[in-house]
Amino acid sequence: MPLEKSEDTVPVALYIRTLEGDPDDSLPVQLTALQGYAKRNRLAVARVLFDIQGGRSQFDAMMAEATGENPPFRQILVHDKGRLCGREDELDELRARLEGHGVTVLSLADPEE
């Protein structure tokens, strides 16, 4: 259940994607971790998007919203950066593109990046 949006909350999108052979792959495991982080950090969940192995339709929809006028969220939370891109250079390009629209990415597994 999303937190009520107020001046001290940041609207976020939770992006969940399964990867074959990953022990932390379960959608419920990722969702629980991301929702817990959002709640502890007073982030308002604006979107929850799921993609299953190989499918990227929700990722594409999220990117269209994030790079459009007035994105409905200011941060994208992921379980780990591999959920977004497989290669580091692709992730760097993605982050730069999003930051140009005022949207950041946070990976729970790599919070310092």
PDB file of N, CA and C in Angstrom:
ATOM      1  N   MET A   1       0.845  -1.187   0.000  1.00  0.00           N
ATOM      2  CA  MET A   1       0.000   0.000   0.000  1.00  0.00           C
ATOM      3  C   MET A   1       0.884   1.241   0.000  1.00  0.00           C
ATOM      4  N   PRO A   2       0.726   2.135  -0.977  1.00  0.00           N
ATOM      5  CA  PRO A   2       1.581   3.322  -1.051  1.00  0.00           C
ATOM      6  C   PRO A   2       1.406   4.238   0.148  1.00  0.00           C
ATOM      7  N   LEU A   3       2.483   4.900   0.513  1.00  0.00           N
ATOM      8  CA  LEU A   3       2.401   5.919   1.549  1.00  0.00           C
ATOM      9  C   LEU A   3       1.689   7.124   0.971  1.00  0.00           C
ATOM     10  N   GLU A   4       1.030   7.882   1.816  1.00  0.00           N
ATOM     11  CA  GLU A   4       0.420   9.104   1.327  1.00  0.00           C
ATOM     12  C   GLU A   4       1.516  10.088   0.954  1.00  0.00           C
ATOM     13  N   LYS A   5       1.321  10.737  -0.147  1.00  0.00           N
ATOM     14  CA  LYS A   5       2.315  11.684  -0.628  1.00  0.00           C
ATOM     15  C   LYS A   5       2.221  12.969   0.187  1.00  0.00           C
ATOM     16  N   SER A   6       3.360  13.432   0.673  1.00  0.00           N
ATOM     17  CA  SER A   6       3.410  14.713   1.366  1.00  0.00           C
ATOM     18  C   SER A   6       4.695  15.403   0.957  1.00  0.00           C
ATOM     19  N   GLU A   7       4.909  16.600   1.492  1.00  0.00           N
ATOM     20  CA  GLU A   7       6.091  17.356   1.102  1.00  0.00           C
ATOM     21  C   GLU A   7       7.391  16.671   1.488  1.00  0.00           C
ATOM     22  N   ASP A   8       7.376  15.794   2.497  1.00  0.00           N
ATOM     23  CA  ASP A   8       8.622  15.165   2.926  1.00  0.00           C
ATOM     24  C   ASP A   8       8.800  13.754   2.379  1.00  0.00           C
ATOM     25  N   THR A   9       7.993  13.352   1.414  1.00  0.00           N
ATOM     26  CA  THR A   9       8.176  12.052   0.785  1.00  0.00           C
ATOM     27  C   THR A   9       8.613  12.232  -0.664  1.00  0.00           C
ATOM     28  N   VAL A  10       9.325  11.238  -1.158  1.00  0.00           N
ATOM     29  CA  VAL A  10       9.773  11.239  -2.546  1.00  0.00           C
ATOM     30  C   VAL A  10       8.998  10.150  -3.280  1.00  0.00           C
ATOM     31  N   PRO A  11       8.345  10.475  -4.397  1.00  0.00           N
ATOM     32  CA  PRO A  11       7.640   9.431  -5.143  1.00  0.00           C
ATOM     33  C   PRO A  11       8.635   8.531  -5.878  1.00  0.00           C
ATOM     34  N   VAL A  12       8.435   7.216  -5.754  1.00  0.00           N
ATOM     35  CA  VAL A  12       9.350   6.249  -6.352  1.00  0.00           C
ATOM     36  C   VAL A  12       8.588   5.212  -7.161  1.00  0.00           C
ATOM     37  N   ALA A  13       9.308   4.593  -8.086  1.00  0.00           N
ATOM     38  CA  ALA A  13       8.817   3.420  -8.810  1.00  0.00           C
ATOM     39  C   ALA A  13       9.636   2.229  -8.318  1.00  0.00           C
ATOM     40  N   LEU A  14       8.971   1.131  -8.053  1.00  0.00           N
ATOM     41  CA  LEU A  14       9.647  -0.107  -7.697  1.00  0.00           C
ATOM     42  C   LEU A  14       9.678  -0.960  -8.958  1.00  0.00           C
ATOM     43  N   TYR A  15      10.874  -1.333  -9.399  1.00  0.00           N
ATOM     44  CA  TYR A  15      10.993  -2.155 -10.598  1.00  0.00           C
ATOM     45  C   TYR A  15      11.521  -3.521 -10.199  1.00  0.00           C
ATOM     46  N   ILE A  16      10.737  -4.547 -10.527  1.00  0.00           N
ATOM     47  CA  ILE A  16      11.046  -5.918 -10.134  1.00  0.00           C
ATOM     48  C   ILE A  16      11.140  -6.761 -11.395  1.00  0.00           C
ATOM     49  N   ARG A  17      12.229  -7.511 -11.509  1.00  0.00           N
ATOM     50  CA  ARG A  17      12.438  -8.334 -12.693  1.00  0.00           C
ATOM     51  C   ARG A  17      13.090  -9.641 -12.287  1.00  0.00           C
ATOM     52  N   THR A  18      12.566 -10.735 -12.802  1.00  0.00           N
ATOM     53  CA  THR A  18      13.164 -12.035 -12.513  1.00  0.00           C
ATOM     54  C   THR A  18      14.315 -12.301 -13.467  1.00  0.00           C
ATOM     55  N   LEU A  19      15.338 -12.963 -12.949  1.00  0.00           N
ATOM     56  CA  LEU A  19      16.502 -13.363 -13.740  1.00  0.00           C
ATOM     57  C   LEU A  19      16.722 -14.858 -13.526  1.00  0.00           C
ATOM     58  N   GLU A  20      16.852 -15.595 -14.587  1.00  0.00           N
ATOM     59  CA  GLU A  20      17.012 -17.048 -14.490  1.00  0.00           C
ATOM     60  C   GLU A  20      18.245 -17.431 -13.669  1.00  0.00           C
ATOM     61  N   GLY A  21      18.063 -18.373 -12.754  1.00  0.00           N
ATOM     62  CA  GLY A  21      19.175 -18.887 -11.957  1.00  0.00           C
ATOM     63  C   GLY A  21      19.573 -18.018 -10.782  1.00  0.00           C
ATOM     64  N   ASP A  22      18.818 -16.996 -10.474  1.00  0.00           N
ATOM     65  CA  ASP A  22      19.143 -16.096  -9.368  1.00  0.00           C
ATOM     66  C   ASP A  22      18.379 -16.536  -8.123  1.00  0.00           C
ATOM     67  N   PRO A  23      19.076 -16.840  -7.015  1.00  0.00           N
ATOM     68  CA  PRO A  23      18.368 -17.291  -5.814  1.00  0.00           C
ATOM     69  C   PRO A  23      17.470 -16.214  -5.185  1.00  0.00           C
ATOM     70  N   ASP A  24      17.737 -14.953  -5.453  1.00  0.00           N
ATOM     71  CA  ASP A  24      16.906 -13.863  -4.941  1.00  0.00           C
ATOM     72  C   ASP A  24      15.888 -13.415  -5.986  1.00  0.00           C
ATOM     73  N   ASP A  25      15.569 -14.336  -6.896  1.00  0.00           N
ATOM     74  CA  ASP A  25      14.764 -14.018  -8.057  1.00  0.00           C
ATOM     75  C   ASP A  25      13.278 -13.868  -7.791  1.00  0.00           C
ATOM     76  N   SER A  26      12.821 -14.393  -6.717  1.00  0.00           N
ATOM     77  CA  SER A  26      11.399 -14.403  -6.430  1.00  0.00           C
ATOM     78  C   SER A  26      10.812 -12.988  -6.431  1.00  0.00           C
ATOM     79  N   LEU A  27       9.702 -12.847  -7.137  1.00  0.00           N
ATOM     80  CA  LEU A  27       9.029 -11.546  -7.153  1.00  0.00           C
ATOM     81  C   LEU A  27       8.628 -11.108  -5.748  1.00  0.00           C
ATOM     82  N   PRO A  28       8.043 -12.001  -4.928  1.00  0.00           N
ATOM     83  CA  PRO A  28       7.686 -11.571  -3.569  1.00  0.00           C
ATOM     84  C   PRO A  28       8.892 -11.143  -2.731  1.00  0.00           C
ATOM     85  N   VAL A  29      10.038 -11.810  -2.890  1.00  0.00           N
ATOM     86  CA  VAL A  29      11.240 -11.435  -2.136  1.00  0.00           C
ATOM     87  C   VAL A  29      11.670 -10.020  -2.511  1.00  0.00           C
ATOM     88  N   GLN A  30      11.722  -9.751  -3.799  1.00  0.00           N
ATOM     89  CA  GLN A  30      12.118  -8.415  -4.253  1.00  0.00           C
ATOM     90  C   GLN A  30      11.108  -7.358  -3.812  1.00  0.00           C
ATOM     91  N   LEU A  31       9.827  -7.653  -3.977  1.00  0.00           N
ATOM     92  CA  LEU A  31       8.787  -6.688  -3.618  1.00  0.00           C
ATOM     93  C   LEU A  31       8.837  -6.358  -2.131  1.00  0.00           C
ATOM     94  N   THR A  32       8.982  -7.363  -1.294  1.00  0.00           N
ATOM     95  CA  THR A  32       9.056  -7.145   0.150  1.00  0.00           C
ATOM     96  C   THR A  32      10.248  -6.269   0.515  1.00  0.00           C
ATOM     97  N   ALA A  33      11.406  -6.555  -0.073  1.00  0.00           N
ATOM     98  CA  ALA A  33      12.610  -5.768   0.214  1.00  0.00           C
ATOM     99  C   ALA A  33      12.447  -4.320  -0.232  1.00  0.00           C
ATOM    100  N   LEU A  34      11.923  -4.108  -1.423  1.00  0.00           N
ATOM    101  CA  LEU A  34      11.760  -2.751  -1.950  1.00  0.00           C
ATOM    102  C   LEU A  34      10.700  -1.967  -1.169  1.00  0.00           C
ATOM    103  N   GLN A  35       9.584  -2.609  -0.847  1.00  0.00           N
ATOM    104  CA  GLN A  35       8.554  -1.928  -0.065  1.00  0.00           C
ATOM    105  C   GLN A  35       9.069  -1.581   1.331  1.00  0.00           C
ATOM    106  N   GLY A  36       9.832  -2.495   1.925  1.00  0.00           N
ATOM    107  CA  GLY A  36      10.395  -2.227   3.246  1.00  0.00           C
ATOM    108  C   GLY A  36      11.332  -1.037   3.222  1.00  0.00           C
ATOM    109  N   TYR A  37      12.185  -0.975   2.207  1.00  0.00           N
ATOM    110  CA  TYR A  37      13.112   0.152   2.070  1.00  0.00           C
ATOM    111  C   TYR A  37      12.331   1.459   1.914  1.00  0.00           C
ATOM    112  N   ALA A  38      11.321   1.430   1.043  1.00  0.00           N
ATOM    113  CA  ALA A  38      10.519   2.641   0.806  1.00  0.00           C
ATOM    114  C   ALA A  38       9.851   3.106   2.101  1.00  0.00           C
ATOM    115  N   LYS A  39       9.300   2.187   2.832  1.00  0.00           N
ATOM    116  CA  LYS A  39       8.614   2.553   4.077  1.00  0.00           C
ATOM    117  C   LYS A  39       9.594   3.130   5.101  1.00  0.00           C
ATOM    118  N   ARG A  40      10.734   2.451   5.283  1.00  0.00           N
ATOM    119  CA  ARG A  40      11.731   2.921   6.262  1.00  0.00           C
ATOM    120  C   ARG A  40      12.271   4.306   5.912  1.00  0.00           C
ATOM    121  N   ASN A  41      12.289   4.624   4.631  1.00  0.00           N
ATOM    122  CA  ASN A  41      12.875   5.888   4.179  1.00  0.00           C
ATOM    123  C   ASN A  41      11.830   6.914   3.751  1.00  0.00           C
ATOM    124  N   ARG A  42      10.590   6.684   4.130  1.00  0.00           N
ATOM    125  CA  ARG A  42       9.490   7.618   3.859  1.00  0.00           C
ATOM    126  C   ARG A  42       9.377   7.984   2.383  1.00  0.00           C
ATOM    127  N   LEU A  43       9.447   6.975   1.532  1.00  0.00           N
ATOM    128  CA  LEU A  43       9.292   7.166   0.102  1.00  0.00           C
ATOM    129  C   LEU A  43       7.877   6.745  -0.291  1.00  0.00           C
ATOM    130  N   ALA A  44       7.247   7.519  -1.120  1.00  0.00           N
ATOM    131  CA  ALA A  44       5.883   7.225  -1.573  1.00  0.00           C
ATOM    132  C   ALA A  44       5.944   6.374  -2.835  1.00  0.00           C
ATOM    133  N   VAL A  45       5.397   5.184  -2.782  1.00  0.00           N
ATOM    134  CA  VAL A  45       5.422   4.283  -3.938  1.00  0.00           C
ATOM    135  C   VAL A  45       4.363   4.737  -4.938  1.00  0.00           C
ATOM    136  N   ALA A  46       4.832   5.246  -6.077  1.00  0.00           N
ATOM    137  CA  ALA A  46       3.939   5.739  -7.123  1.00  0.00           C
ATOM    138  C   ALA A  46       3.623   4.653  -8.149  1.00  0.00           C
ATOM    139  N   ARG A  47       4.555   3.728  -8.359  1.00  0.00           N
ATOM    140  CA  ARG A  47       4.391   2.655  -9.342  1.00  0.00           C
ATOM    141  C   ARG A  47       5.101   1.401  -8.840  1.00  0.00           C
ATOM    142  N   VAL A  48       4.520   0.237  -9.158  1.00  0.00           N
ATOM    143  CA  VAL A  48       5.173  -1.055  -8.952  1.00  0.00           C
ATOM    144  C   VAL A  48       5.101  -1.759 -10.293  1.00  0.00           C
ATOM    145  N   LEU A  49       6.271  -2.056 -10.861  1.00  0.00           N
ATOM    146  CA  LEU A  49       6.333  -2.643 -12.196  1.00  0.00           C
ATOM    147  C   LEU A  49       7.078  -3.970 -12.145  1.00  0.00           C
ATOM    148  N   PHE A  50       6.552  -4.980 -12.844  1.00  0.00           N
ATOM    149  CA  PHE A  50       7.118  -6.324 -12.856  1.00  0.00           C
ATOM    150  C   PHE A  50       7.417  -6.757 -14.277  1.00  0.00           C
ATOM    151  N   ASP A  51       8.586  -7.343 -14.501  1.00  0.00           N
ATOM    152  CA  ASP A  51       8.899  -8.014 -15.763  1.00  0.00           C
ATOM    153  C   ASP A  51       9.400  -9.411 -15.423  1.00  0.00           C
ATOM    154  N   ILE A  52       9.017 -10.364 -16.244  1.00  0.00           N
ATOM    155  CA  ILE A  52       9.406 -11.757 -16.049  1.00  0.00           C
ATOM    156  C   ILE A  52      10.431 -12.125 -17.115  1.00  0.00           C
ATOM    157  N   GLN A  53      11.508 -12.784 -16.702  1.00  0.00           N
ATOM    158  CA  GLN A  53      12.592 -13.281 -17.566  1.00  0.00           C
ATOM    159  C   GLN A  53      12.482 -12.883 -19.034  1.00  0.00           C
ATOM    160  N   GLY A  54      13.312 -11.991 -19.438  1.00  0.00           N
ATOM    161  CA  GLY A  54      13.396 -11.614 -20.844  1.00  0.00           C
ATOM    162  C   GLY A  54      12.397 -10.560 -21.280  1.00  0.00           C
ATOM    163  N   GLY A  55      11.234 -10.518 -20.680  1.00  0.00           N
ATOM    164  CA  GLY A  55      10.247  -9.500 -21.026  1.00  0.00           C
ATOM    165  C   GLY A  55      10.667  -8.142 -20.483  1.00  0.00           C
ATOM    166  N   ARG A  56      10.423  -7.091 -21.238  1.00  0.00           N
ATOM    167  CA  ARG A  56      10.826  -5.752 -20.801  1.00  0.00           C
ATOM    168  C   ARG A  56       9.727  -4.721 -21.014  1.00  0.00           C
ATOM    169  N   SER A  57       8.482  -5.159 -21.174  1.00  0.00           N
ATOM    170  CA  SER A  57       7.411  -4.211 -21.482  1.00  0.00           C
ATOM    171  C   SER A  57       7.192  -3.214 -20.344  1.00  0.00           C
ATOM    172  N   GLN A  58       7.263  -3.663 -19.098  1.00  0.00           N
ATOM    173  CA  GLN A  58       7.078  -2.754 -17.973  1.00  0.00           C
ATOM    174  C   GLN A  58       8.275  -1.809 -17.814  1.00  0.00           C
ATOM    175  N   PHE A  59       9.457  -2.314 -18.115  1.00  0.00           N
ATOM    176  CA  PHE A  59      10.658  -1.468 -18.111  1.00  0.00           C
ATOM    177  C   PHE A  59      10.485  -0.344 -19.132  1.00  0.00           C
ATOM    178  N   ASP A  60      10.042  -0.705 -20.341  1.00  0.00           N
ATOM    179  CA  ASP A  60       9.837   0.297 -21.389  1.00  0.00           C
ATOM    180  C   ASP A  60       8.801   1.333 -20.974  1.00  0.00           C
ATOM    181  N   ALA A  61       7.717   0.883 -20.351  1.00  0.00           N
ATOM    182  CA  ALA A  61       6.674   1.805 -19.889  1.00  0.00           C
ATOM    183  C   ALA A  61       7.222   2.731 -18.798  1.00  0.00           C
ATOM    184  N   MET A  62       8.010   2.165 -17.888  1.00  0.00           N
ATOM    185  CA  MET A  62       8.608   2.958 -16.810  1.00  0.00           C
ATOM    186  C   MET A  62       9.543   4.026 -17.382  1.00  0.00           C
ATOM    187  N   MET A  63      10.354   3.644 -18.344  1.00  0.00           N
ATOM    188  CA  MET A  63      11.287   4.590 -18.958  1.00  0.00           C
ATOM    189  C   MET A  63      10.547   5.695 -19.707  1.00  0.00           C
ATOM    190  N   ALA A  64       9.463   5.346 -20.375  1.00  0.00           N
ATOM    191  CA  ALA A  64       8.672   6.365 -21.075  1.00  0.00           C
ATOM    192  C   ALA A  64       8.114   7.380 -20.077  1.00  0.00           C
ATOM    193  N   GLU A  65       7.619   6.901 -18.940  1.00  0.00           N
ATOM    194  CA  GLU A  65       7.106   7.817 -17.920  1.00  0.00           C
ATOM    195  C   GLU A  65       8.230   8.647 -17.308  1.00  0.00           C
ATOM    196  N   ALA A  66       9.355   7.996 -17.020  1.00  0.00           N
ATOM    197  CA  ALA A  66      10.469   8.676 -16.349  1.00  0.00           C
ATOM    198  C   ALA A  66      11.092   9.757 -17.215  1.00  0.00           C
ATOM    199  N   THR A  67      11.060   9.579 -18.519  1.00  0.00           N
ATOM    200  CA  THR A  67      11.697  10.546 -19.412  1.00  0.00           C
ATOM    201  C   THR A  67      10.687  11.467 -20.094  1.00  0.00           C
ATOM    202  N   GLY A  68       9.436  11.346 -19.706  1.00  0.00           N
ATOM    203  CA  GLY A  68       8.399  12.221 -20.252  1.00  0.00           C
ATOM    204  C   GLY A  68       8.281  13.496 -19.434  1.00  0.00           C
ATOM    205  N   GLU A  69       7.291  14.288 -19.788  1.00  0.00           N
ATOM    206  CA  GLU A  69       7.031  15.510 -19.021  1.00  0.00           C
ATOM    207  C   GLU A  69       6.428  15.144 -17.682  1.00  0.00           C
ATOM    208  N   ASN A  70       6.888  15.780 -16.614  1.00  0.00           N
ATOM    209  CA  ASN A  70       6.370  15.564 -15.266  1.00  0.00           C
ATOM    210  C   ASN A  70       6.312  14.090 -14.870  1.00  0.00           C
ATOM    211  N   PRO A  71       7.461  13.440 -14.742  1.00  0.00           N
ATOM    212  CA  PRO A  71       7.459  12.026 -14.328  1.00  0.00           C
ATOM    213  C   PRO A  71       6.706  11.850 -13.002  1.00  0.00           C
ATOM    214  N   PRO A  72       5.934  10.765 -12.865  1.00  0.00           N
ATOM    215  CA  PRO A  72       5.160  10.536 -11.637  1.00  0.00           C
ATOM    216  C   PRO A  72       6.015  10.050 -10.468  1.00  0.00           C
ATOM    217  N   PHE A  73       7.299   9.847 -10.703  1.00  0.00           N
ATOM    218  CA  PHE A  73       8.222   9.423  -9.654  1.00  0.00           C
ATOM    219  C   PHE A  73       9.569  10.093  -9.882  1.00  0.00           C
ATOM    220  N   ARG A  74      10.346  10.212  -8.810  1.00  0.00           N
ATOM    221  CA  ARG A  74      11.648  10.868  -8.866  1.00  0.00           C
ATOM    222  C   ARG A  74      12.804   9.902  -8.649  1.00  0.00           C
ATOM    223  N   GLN A  75      12.460   8.658  -8.327  1.00  0.00           N
ATOM    224  CA  GLN A  75      13.504   7.656  -8.105  1.00  0.00           C
ATOM    225  C   GLN A  75      12.952   6.294  -8.517  1.00  0.00           C
ATOM    226  N   ILE A  76      13.853   5.457  -9.033  1.00  0.00           N
ATOM    227  CA  ILE A  76      13.516   4.075  -9.348  1.00  0.00           C
ATOM    228  C   ILE A  76      14.309   3.199  -8.393  1.00  0.00           C
ATOM    229  N   LEU A  77      13.612   2.356  -7.655  1.00  0.00           N
ATOM    230  CA  LEU A  77      14.264   1.420  -6.745  1.00  0.00           C
ATOM    231  C   LEU A  77      14.280   0.037  -7.381  1.00  0.00           C
ATOM    232  N   VAL A  78      15.444  -0.615  -7.335  1.00  0.00           N
ATOM    233  CA  VAL A  78      15.588  -1.981  -7.840  1.00  0.00           C
ATOM    234  C   VAL A  78      16.302  -2.825  -6.796  1.00  0.00           C
ATOM    235  N   HIS A  79      16.102  -4.129  -6.868  1.00  0.00           N
ATOM    236  CA  HIS A  79      16.761  -5.050  -5.938  1.00  0.00           C
ATOM    237  C   HIS A  79      18.268  -5.007  -6.160  1.00  0.00           C
ATOM    238  N   ASP A  80      18.684  -5.103  -7.406  1.00  0.00           N
ATOM    239  CA  ASP A  80      20.092  -4.910  -7.760  1.00  0.00           C
ATOM    240  C   ASP A  80      20.172  -4.385  -9.185  1.00  0.00           C
ATOM    241  N   LYS A  81      21.291  -3.772  -9.510  1.00  0.00           N
ATOM    242  CA  LYS A  81      21.404  -3.069 -10.795  1.00  0.00           C
ATOM    243  C   LYS A  81      21.254  -3.980 -12.008  1.00  0.00           C
ATOM    244  N   GLY A  82      21.500  -5.272 -11.842  1.00  0.00           N
ATOM    245  CA  GLY A  82      21.320  -6.214 -12.935  1.00  0.00           C
ATOM    246  C   GLY A  82      19.879  -6.326 -13.392  1.00  0.00           C
ATOM    247  N   ARG A  83      18.943  -5.865 -12.572  1.00  0.00           N
ATOM    248  CA  ARG A  83      17.527  -5.889 -12.963  1.00  0.00           C
ATOM    249  C   ARG A  83      17.260  -4.885 -14.073  1.00  0.00           C
ATOM    250  N   LEU A  84      18.080  -3.841 -14.153  1.00  0.00           N
ATOM    251  CA  LEU A  84      17.885  -2.816 -15.175  1.00  0.00           C
ATOM    252  C   LEU A  84      18.674  -3.097 -16.442  1.00  0.00           C
ATOM    253  N   CYS A  85      19.965  -3.379 -16.280  1.00  0.00           N
ATOM    254  CA  CYS A  85      20.860  -3.562 -17.424  1.00  0.00           C
ATOM    255  C   CYS A  85      21.885  -4.639 -17.092  1.00  0.00           C
ATOM    256  N   GLY A  86      22.311  -5.327 -18.105  1.00  0.00           N
ATOM    257  CA  GLY A  86      23.296  -6.374 -17.898  1.00  0.00           C
ATOM    258  C   GLY A  86      24.724  -5.862 -17.868  1.00  0.00           C
ATOM    259  N   ARG A  87      24.981  -4.762 -18.550  1.00  0.00           N
ATOM    260  CA  ARG A  87      26.362  -4.261 -18.643  1.00  0.00           C
ATOM    261  C   ARG A  87      26.484  -2.911 -17.946  1.00  0.00           C
ATOM    262  N   GLU A  88      27.662  -2.690 -17.369  1.00  0.00           N
ATOM    263  CA  GLU A  88      27.928  -1.452 -16.619  1.00  0.00           C
ATOM    264  C   GLU A  88      27.796  -0.209 -17.501  1.00  0.00           C
ATOM    265  N   ASP A  89      28.291  -0.281 -18.750  1.00  0.00           N
ATOM    266  CA  ASP A  89      28.208   0.890 -19.629  1.00  0.00           C
ATOM    267  C   ASP A  89      26.752   1.218 -19.970  1.00  0.00           C
ATOM    268  N   GLU A  90      25.905   0.195 -20.112  1.00  0.00           N
ATOM    269  CA  GLU A  90      24.482   0.435 -20.364  1.00  0.00           C
ATOM    270  C   GLU A  90      23.827   1.102 -19.161  1.00  0.00           C
ATOM    271  N   LEU A  91      24.220   0.657 -17.967  1.00  0.00           N
ATOM    272  CA  LEU A  91      23.671   1.247 -16.744  1.00  0.00           C
ATOM    273  C   LEU A  91      24.074   2.711 -16.619  1.00  0.00           C
ATOM    274  N   ASP A  92      25.320   3.016 -16.934  1.00  0.00           N
ATOM    275  CA  ASP A  92      25.780   4.406 -16.887  1.00  0.00           C
ATOM    276  C   ASP A  92      24.975   5.284 -17.840  1.00  0.00           C
ATOM    277  N   GLU A  93      24.727   4.784 -19.050  1.00  0.00           N
ATOM    278  CA  GLU A  93      23.936   5.536 -20.033  1.00  0.00           C
ATOM    279  C   GLU A  93      22.501   5.722 -19.551  1.00  0.00           C
ATOM    280  N   LEU A  94      21.939   4.665 -18.990  1.00  0.00           N
ATOM    281  CA  LEU A  94      20.573   4.728 -18.472  1.00  0.00           C
ATOM    282  C   LEU A  94      20.463   5.753 -17.353  1.00  0.00           C
ATOM    283  N   ARG A  95      21.394   5.697 -16.413  1.00  0.00           N
ATOM    284  CA  ARG A  95      21.374   6.659 -15.298  1.00  0.00           C
ATOM    285  C   ARG A  95      21.503   8.093 -15.800  1.00  0.00           C
ATOM    286  N   ALA A  96      22.400   8.329 -16.745  1.00  0.00           N
ATOM    287  CA  ALA A  96      22.575   9.679 -17.286  1.00  0.00           C
ATOM    288  C   ALA A  96      21.286  10.160 -17.961  1.00  0.00           C
ATOM    289  N   ARG A  97      20.664   9.281 -18.713  1.00  0.00           N
ATOM    290  CA  ARG A  97      19.404   9.634 -19.392  1.00  0.00           C
ATOM    291  C   ARG A  97      18.331   9.992 -18.367  1.00  0.00           C
ATOM    292  N   LEU A  98      18.197   9.175 -17.321  1.00  0.00           N
ATOM    293  CA  LEU A  98      17.187   9.428 -16.296  1.00  0.00           C
ATOM    294  C   LEU A  98      17.485  10.699 -15.515  1.00  0.00           C
ATOM    295  N   GLU A  99      18.742  10.895 -15.153  1.00  0.00           N
ATOM    296  CA  GLU A  99      19.114  12.079 -14.374  1.00  0.00           C
ATOM    297  C   GLU A  99      18.842  13.356 -15.147  1.00  0.00           C
ATOM    298  N   GLY A 100      18.904  13.284 -16.477  1.00  0.00           N
ATOM    299  CA  GLY A 100      18.546  14.425 -17.305  1.00  0.00           C
ATOM    300  C   GLY A 100      17.085  14.833 -17.146  1.00  0.00           C
ATOM    301  N   HIS A 101      16.282  13.933 -16.610  1.00  0.00           N
ATOM    302  CA  HIS A 101      14.859  14.191 -16.371  1.00  0.00           C
ATOM    303  C   HIS A 101      14.539  14.273 -14.873  1.00  0.00           C
ATOM    304  N   GLY A 102      15.590  14.340 -14.057  1.00  0.00           N
ATOM    305  CA  GLY A 102      15.399  14.482 -12.619  1.00  0.00           C
ATOM    306  C   GLY A 102      15.052  13.196 -11.890  1.00  0.00           C
ATOM    307  N   VAL A 103      15.325  12.043 -12.509  1.00  0.00           N
ATOM    308  CA  VAL A 103      15.010  10.746 -11.912  1.00  0.00           C
ATOM    309  C   VAL A 103      16.318  10.017 -11.616  1.00  0.00           C
ATOM    310  N   THR A 104      16.430   9.477 -10.405  1.00  0.00           N
ATOM    311  CA  THR A 104      17.629   8.730 -10.014  1.00  0.00           C
ATOM    312  C   THR A 104      17.287   7.253  -9.862  1.00  0.00           C
ATOM    313  N   VAL A 105      18.335   6.426  -9.785  1.00  0.00           N
ATOM    314  CA  VAL A 105      18.186   4.985  -9.599  1.00  0.00           C
ATOM    315  C   VAL A 105      18.881   4.596  -8.323  1.00  0.00           C
ATOM    316  N   LEU A 106      18.243   3.759  -7.517  1.00  0.00           N
ATOM    317  CA  LEU A 106      18.865   3.222  -6.321  1.00  0.00           C
ATOM    318  C   LEU A 106      18.722   1.714  -6.336  1.00  0.00           C
ATOM    319  N   SER A 107      19.853   1.035  -6.208  1.00  0.00           N
ATOM    320  CA  SER A 107      19.902  -0.417  -6.101  1.00  0.00           C
ATOM    321  C   SER A 107      20.105  -0.782  -4.644  1.00  0.00           C
ATOM    322  N   LEU A 108      19.223  -1.614  -4.085  1.00  0.00           N
ATOM    323  CA  LEU A 108      19.378  -2.007  -2.690  1.00  0.00           C
ATOM    324  C   LEU A 108      20.671  -2.783  -2.450  1.00  0.00           C
ATOM    325  N   ALA A 109      21.098  -3.565  -3.441  1.00  0.00           N
ATOM    326  CA  ALA A 109      22.326  -4.338  -3.307  1.00  0.00           C
ATOM    327  C   ALA A 109      23.573  -3.477  -3.454  1.00  0.00           C
ATOM    328  N   ASP A 110      23.440  -2.336  -4.111  1.00  0.00           N
ATOM    329  CA  ASP A 110      24.578  -1.453  -4.374  1.00  0.00           C
ATOM    330  C   ASP A 110      24.194  -0.010  -4.032  1.00  0.00           C
ATOM    331  N   PRO A 111      23.851   0.292  -2.776  1.00  0.00           N
ATOM    332  CA  PRO A 111      23.314   1.612  -2.446  1.00  0.00           C
ATOM    333  C   PRO A 111      24.299   2.772  -2.622  1.00  0.00           C
ATOM    334  N   GLU A 112      25.583   2.482  -2.659  1.00  0.00           N
ATOM    335  CA  GLU A 112      26.578   3.558  -2.778  1.00  0.00           C
ATOM    336  C   GLU A 112      26.790   3.987  -4.232  1.00  0.00           C
ATOM    337  N   GLU A 113      26.275   3.247  -5.195  1.00  0.00           N
ATOM    338  CA  GLU A 113      26.492   3.618  -6.602  1.00  0.00           C
ATOM    339  C   GLU A 113      25.510   4.657  -7.064  1.00  0.00           C
TER     340      GLU A 113
END
